[in-house]
Protein backbone atom coordinates (compact mmCIF):
# COMPACT_ATOMS: atom_id res chain seq x y z
CA UNK A 1 103.05 123.94 112.41
CA UNK A 2 103.25 124.33 108.67
CA UNK A 3 103.52 120.53 108.19
CA UNK A 4 100.14 120.02 110.16
CA UNK A 5 98.50 122.14 107.48
CA UNK A 6 99.71 119.79 104.73
CA UNK A 7 98.81 116.64 106.55
CA UNK A 8 95.07 117.17 106.75
CA UNK A 9 94.62 117.49 102.97
CA UNK A 10 96.49 114.31 102.25
CA UNK A 11 94.66 112.47 105.10
CA UNK A 12 91.27 113.66 103.88
CA UNK A 13 91.90 112.42 100.37
CA UNK A 14 93.13 109.02 101.84
CA UNK A 15 90.24 108.75 104.19
CA UNK A 16 87.68 109.75 101.50
CA UNK A 17 89.03 106.87 99.15
CA UNK A 18 88.99 104.43 102.03
CA UNK A 19 85.50 105.41 103.03
CA UNK A 20 84.24 105.18 99.56
CA UNK A 21 85.57 101.58 99.28
CA UNK A 22 84.16 100.60 102.64
CA UNK A 23 80.64 102.07 101.53
CA UNK A 24 80.79 100.10 98.22
CA UNK A 25 81.57 96.89 100.12
CA UNK A 26 78.86 97.50 102.56
CA UNK A 27 76.21 98.35 99.81
CA UNK A 28 77.27 95.17 97.98
CA UNK A 29 76.71 93.12 101.13
CA UNK A 30 73.29 94.66 101.81
CA UNK A 31 72.34 94.12 98.22
CA UNK A 32 73.23 90.48 98.37
CA UNK A 33 71.38 90.10 101.72
CA UNK A 34 68.32 91.90 100.56
C-alpha cells in the first residue's frame, strides 16, 4: 500500500512532462497549418 502512494507522484511528473511535449508538438503543427 505504501508503494502505491509513491508511484502516483512519479507518474504525475512523468505524465506532465510527456503531456507538455505533446502539447508543444500539437501547437507547432497547428501553427504551421494556420
